[in-house]
Amino acid sequence: MIELLVVVGTIGLLDGINPTTLAPALYIASGPSPRRRLAAFTGAVFGVSLFAGLVVALGPGQLLLAAVPHPTPRARHIIELVLGGGLLAAAVGTWLFRHRLESATQKLPRDAGSAAALGAGIMAVELPTAVPYFGALAAVVGSDRSVGLQVVLIVFYNVLFVLPLLVVLAALTYAGPEALDRVRRAGDWLRRRTSALLAGLLTAAGGVLVGLGASGLLNSSA
């Protein structure tokens, strides 16, 4: 159980350092009425991600676990290669369309409702390619734990996923003007580099998966 908590928690923390959610959050924090709008944005990100995770894990996840046999090592290495290639392709696409992404982050939500809609929209677009999240869900579904405990683990993951956003919200709520100035500067810095950071993260993750898949296939065929 402790090992499963460590796996899910580590993936959640790393996945939470996500420029596509952190950059808009810092940008929201630099505008008027930042606490209310950032709280709405964070709540929407958490809610959509949690709902999707519960649907996948408790619905199709359980059915697939029962219906699909465990893949062979060779099949797993091929899957790693395919996923890694997909992430590398996404990195290239992110870099090629970086100007559109950067212009999209300039659209500051005007109220809490639009901030929530932005958070929900970002998660809806990101979820189909959320490889780390699906990896955590696969670990949870394959753990043979009770449904109630699986729900707790998925909630745990999503709390850690939005933890950086909660830290920003806490800074806005309890820190002084100097902290707000730092948040604004961090938002400006991250907004200018969102595309490069996201492309770099995708490249790193894709490269690791490709390396694991290729080395596994080479070792299995040796």
Protein backbone atom coordinates (compact mmCIF):
# COMPACT_ATOMS: atom_id res chain seq x y z
CA MET A 1 0.00 0.00 0.00
CA ILE A 2 2.81 2.43 0.88
CA GLU A 3 4.51 1.69 -2.43
CA LEU A 4 1.27 2.45 -4.29
CA LEU A 5 0.89 5.74 -2.39
CA VAL A 6 4.45 6.71 -3.29
CA VAL A 7 3.90 5.91 -6.98
CA VAL A 8 0.58 7.76 -7.22
CA GLY A 9 1.85 10.69 -5.14
CA THR A 10 5.08 11.09 -7.09
CA ILE A 11 3.27 11.09 -10.42
CA GLY A 12 0.71 13.56 -9.09
CA LEU A 13 3.34 15.99 -7.82
CA LEU A 14 5.39 15.85 -11.03
CA ASP A 15 2.29 16.14 -13.20
CA GLY A 16 1.19 19.17 -11.18
CA ILE A 17 4.25 21.12 -12.36
CA ASN A 18 2.42 21.64 -15.62
CA PRO A 19 2.89 24.88 -17.60
CA THR A 20 -0.53 24.54 -19.24
CA THR A 21 -2.26 24.93 -15.86
CA LEU A 22 0.40 26.78 -13.86
CA ALA A 23 1.00 29.55 -16.43
CA PRO A 24 -2.70 30.55 -16.68
CA ALA A 25 -2.98 30.34 -12.88
CA LEU A 26 -0.08 32.75 -12.40
CA TYR A 27 -1.51 34.99 -15.08
CA ILE A 28 -4.90 35.03 -13.33
CA ALA A 29 -3.10 35.84 -10.08
CA SER A 30 -1.61 38.94 -11.68
CA GLY A 31 -4.99 40.45 -12.58
CA PRO A 32 -7.88 42.03 -10.67
CA SER A 33 -9.75 40.00 -8.01
CA PRO A 34 -7.14 37.26 -8.26
CA ARG A 35 -8.18 35.09 -5.30
CA ARG A 36 -11.77 34.55 -6.40
CA ARG A 37 -10.86 33.83 -10.01
CA LEU A 38 -7.91 31.60 -9.12
CA ALA A 39 -10.08 29.62 -6.69
CA ALA A 40 -12.64 29.09 -9.47
CA PHE A 41 -9.92 28.06 -11.93
CA THR A 42 -8.35 25.62 -9.45
CA GLY A 43 -11.71 24.13 -8.52
CA ALA A 44 -12.57 23.52 -12.16
CA VAL A 45 -9.21 21.89 -12.89
CA PHE A 46 -9.58 19.64 -9.84
CA GLY A 47 -13.21 18.78 -10.53
CA VAL A 48 -12.84 17.87 -14.19
CA SER A 49 -9.66 15.88 -13.60
CA LEU A 50 -11.17 13.99 -10.65
CA PHE A 51 -14.42 13.25 -12.47
CA ALA A 52 -12.58 11.94 -15.53
CA GLY A 53 -10.28 9.80 -13.40
CA LEU A 54 -13.19 8.26 -11.50
CA VAL A 55 -15.08 7.54 -14.73
CA VAL A 56 -12.05 5.88 -16.34
CA ALA A 57 -10.94 3.91 -13.29
CA LEU A 58 -14.34 2.73 -12.04
CA GLY A 59 -15.91 2.22 -15.46
CA PRO A 60 -13.81 1.17 -18.47
CA GLY A 61 -10.76 0.56 -16.28
CA GLN A 62 -12.40 -2.25 -14.36
CA LEU A 63 -13.89 -3.77 -17.53
CA LEU A 64 -10.57 -3.66 -19.39
CA LEU A 65 -8.71 -5.17 -16.47
CA ALA A 66 -11.12 -8.10 -16.49
CA ALA A 67 -11.29 -8.52 -20.26
CA VAL A 68 -7.75 -7.84 -21.49
CA PRO A 69 -4.98 -10.32 -20.67
CA HIS A 70 -1.74 -9.00 -19.22
CA PRO A 71 0.51 -7.89 -22.08
CA THR A 72 3.76 -9.68 -22.75
CA PRO A 73 7.05 -7.84 -22.05
CA ARG A 74 7.55 -7.36 -25.80
CA ALA A 75 4.07 -5.84 -26.14
CA ARG A 76 4.76 -3.46 -23.23
CA HIS A 77 8.00 -2.30 -24.87
CA ILE A 78 6.18 -1.66 -28.14
CA ILE A 79 3.54 0.34 -26.26
CA GLU A 80 6.32 2.37 -24.63
CA LEU A 81 7.80 3.11 -28.05
CA VAL A 82 4.43 4.18 -29.47
CA LEU A 83 3.61 6.40 -26.49
CA GLY A 84 7.10 7.89 -26.54
CA GLY A 85 6.83 8.63 -30.24
CA GLY A 86 3.46 10.27 -29.66
CA LEU A 87 4.89 12.51 -26.95
CA LEU A 88 7.82 13.50 -29.17
CA ALA A 89 5.39 14.35 -31.97
CA ALA A 90 3.35 16.42 -29.51
CA ALA A 91 6.54 18.25 -28.49
CA VAL A 92 7.24 19.12 -32.12
CA GLY A 93 3.65 20.31 -32.58
CA THR A 94 3.83 22.41 -29.44
CA TRP A 95 6.98 24.12 -30.68
CA LEU A 96 5.62 24.69 -34.20
CA PHE A 97 2.42 26.25 -32.87
CA ARG A 98 4.07 28.02 -29.94
CA HIS A 99 2.89 31.48 -31.05
CA ARG A 100 -0.75 30.41 -30.92
CA LEU A 101 -0.26 28.89 -27.49
CA GLU A 102 1.45 32.02 -26.19
CA SER A 103 -1.30 34.26 -27.56
CA ALA A 104 -3.94 32.05 -25.94
CA THR A 105 -2.34 32.53 -22.52
CA GLN A 106 -2.75 36.30 -22.91
CA LYS A 107 -6.54 36.02 -22.66
CA LEU A 108 -7.14 36.83 -19.01
CA PRO A 109 -10.56 35.66 -17.69
CA ARG A 110 -12.71 38.58 -16.65
CA ASP A 111 -14.64 36.88 -13.82
CA ALA A 112 -14.81 33.70 -11.76
CA GLY A 113 -17.13 32.03 -14.26
CA SER A 114 -14.79 32.52 -17.19
CA ALA A 115 -11.83 31.43 -15.03
CA ALA A 116 -13.67 28.20 -14.17
CA ALA A 117 -14.53 27.69 -17.83
CA LEU A 118 -10.86 28.17 -18.74
CA GLY A 119 -9.76 25.59 -16.17
CA ALA A 120 -12.37 23.07 -17.31
CA GLY A 121 -11.49 23.66 -20.96
CA ILE A 122 -7.76 23.17 -20.38
CA MET A 123 -8.38 19.86 -18.60
CA ALA A 124 -10.83 18.66 -21.25
CA VAL A 125 -8.21 19.27 -23.96
CA GLU A 126 -5.35 17.79 -21.93
CA LEU A 127 -7.01 14.63 -20.63
CA PRO A 128 -6.83 12.55 -23.86
CA THR A 129 -3.03 12.90 -23.82
CA ALA A 130 -2.53 12.83 -20.03
CA VAL A 131 -0.05 9.94 -20.06
CA PRO A 132 1.14 10.41 -16.43
CA TYR A 133 -2.46 10.46 -15.17
CA PHE A 134 -3.36 7.32 -17.09
CA GLY A 135 -0.25 5.68 -15.71
CA ALA A 136 -1.38 6.49 -12.17
CA LEU A 137 -4.90 5.27 -12.93
CA ALA A 138 -3.50 2.02 -14.33
CA ALA A 139 -1.53 1.50 -11.11
CA VAL A 140 -4.65 2.17 -9.03
CA VAL A 141 -6.94 -0.06 -11.10
CA GLY A 142 -4.41 -2.88 -11.21
CA SER A 143 -3.76 -2.78 -7.46
CA ASP A 144 -6.73 -5.05 -6.59
CA ARG A 145 -7.69 -2.66 -3.80
CA SER A 146 -11.30 -2.00 -2.84
CA VAL A 147 -13.31 0.49 -4.86
CA GLY A 148 -13.44 2.86 -1.90
CA LEU A 149 -9.67 2.84 -1.54
CA GLN A 150 -9.23 3.38 -5.27
CA VAL A 151 -11.45 6.47 -5.02
CA VAL A 152 -9.30 7.76 -2.13
CA LEU A 153 -6.13 7.22 -4.18
CA ILE A 154 -7.55 9.09 -7.18
CA VAL A 155 -8.61 11.99 -4.93
CA PHE A 156 -5.10 11.93 -3.39
CA TYR A 157 -3.53 12.15 -6.85
CA ASN A 158 -5.69 15.11 -7.87
CA VAL A 159 -5.03 17.01 -4.64
CA LEU A 160 -1.31 16.75 -5.35
CA PHE A 161 -1.93 17.64 -9.00
CA VAL A 162 -3.48 21.01 -8.03
CA LEU A 163 -1.07 21.57 -5.11
CA PRO A 164 1.03 24.16 -7.02
CA LEU A 165 -2.17 26.09 -7.77
CA LEU A 166 -3.16 25.92 -4.09
CA VAL A 167 0.28 27.23 -3.13
CA VAL A 168 -0.22 30.24 -5.40
CA LEU A 169 -3.70 30.78 -3.95
CA ALA A 170 -2.31 30.59 -0.40
CA ALA A 171 0.38 33.11 -1.30
CA LEU A 172 -2.27 35.50 -2.57
CA THR A 173 -4.39 35.00 0.55
CA TYR A 174 -1.84 35.11 3.36
CA ALA A 175 1.29 36.78 2.01
CA GLY A 176 1.90 40.48 1.63
CA PRO A 177 2.31 42.75 -1.41
CA GLU A 178 5.86 41.54 -2.01
CA ALA A 179 4.62 37.98 -2.55
CA LEU A 180 2.01 39.25 -4.99
CA ASP A 181 4.72 41.05 -6.95
CA ARG A 182 6.74 37.81 -7.08
CA VAL A 183 3.70 35.90 -8.32
CA ARG A 184 3.18 38.46 -11.06
CA ARG A 185 6.80 38.32 -12.13
CA ALA A 186 6.71 34.51 -12.11
CA GLY A 187 3.54 34.61 -14.20
CA ASP A 188 5.13 36.92 -16.76
CA TRP A 189 8.25 34.74 -16.94
CA LEU A 190 6.34 31.47 -17.27
CA ARG A 191 3.85 32.88 -19.77
CA ARG A 192 6.68 33.90 -22.09
CA ARG A 193 8.21 30.42 -21.87
CA THR A 194 5.13 28.18 -21.71
CA SER A 195 5.67 26.65 -25.14
CA ALA A 196 9.36 25.99 -24.60
CA LEU A 197 8.82 24.44 -21.17
CA LEU A 198 5.94 22.26 -22.34
CA ALA A 199 7.86 21.13 -25.41
CA GLY A 200 10.85 20.33 -23.20
CA LEU A 201 8.75 18.27 -20.76
CA LEU A 202 7.12 16.36 -23.60
CA THR A 203 10.51 15.72 -25.21
CA ALA A 204 11.99 14.46 -21.94
CA ALA A 205 9.04 12.16 -21.21
CA GLY A 206 8.94 10.90 -24.80
CA GLY A 207 12.68 10.29 -24.85
CA VAL A 208 12.51 8.26 -21.63
CA LEU A 209 9.68 6.10 -22.97
CA VAL A 210 11.41 5.56 -26.32
CA GLY A 211 14.63 4.66 -24.53
CA LEU A 212 12.87 2.20 -22.24
CA GLY A 213 11.00 0.60 -25.12
CA ALA A 214 14.02 0.35 -27.40
CA SER A 215 16.33 -1.02 -24.73
CA GLY A 216 13.69 -3.52 -23.67
CA LEU A 217 13.20 -4.78 -27.20
CA LEU A 218 16.95 -5.05 -27.76
CA ASN A 219 17.44 -6.98 -24.53
CA SER A 220 14.52 -9.32 -25.24
CA SER A 221 15.82 -10.11 -28.72
CA ALA A 222 19.43 -10.61 -27.58
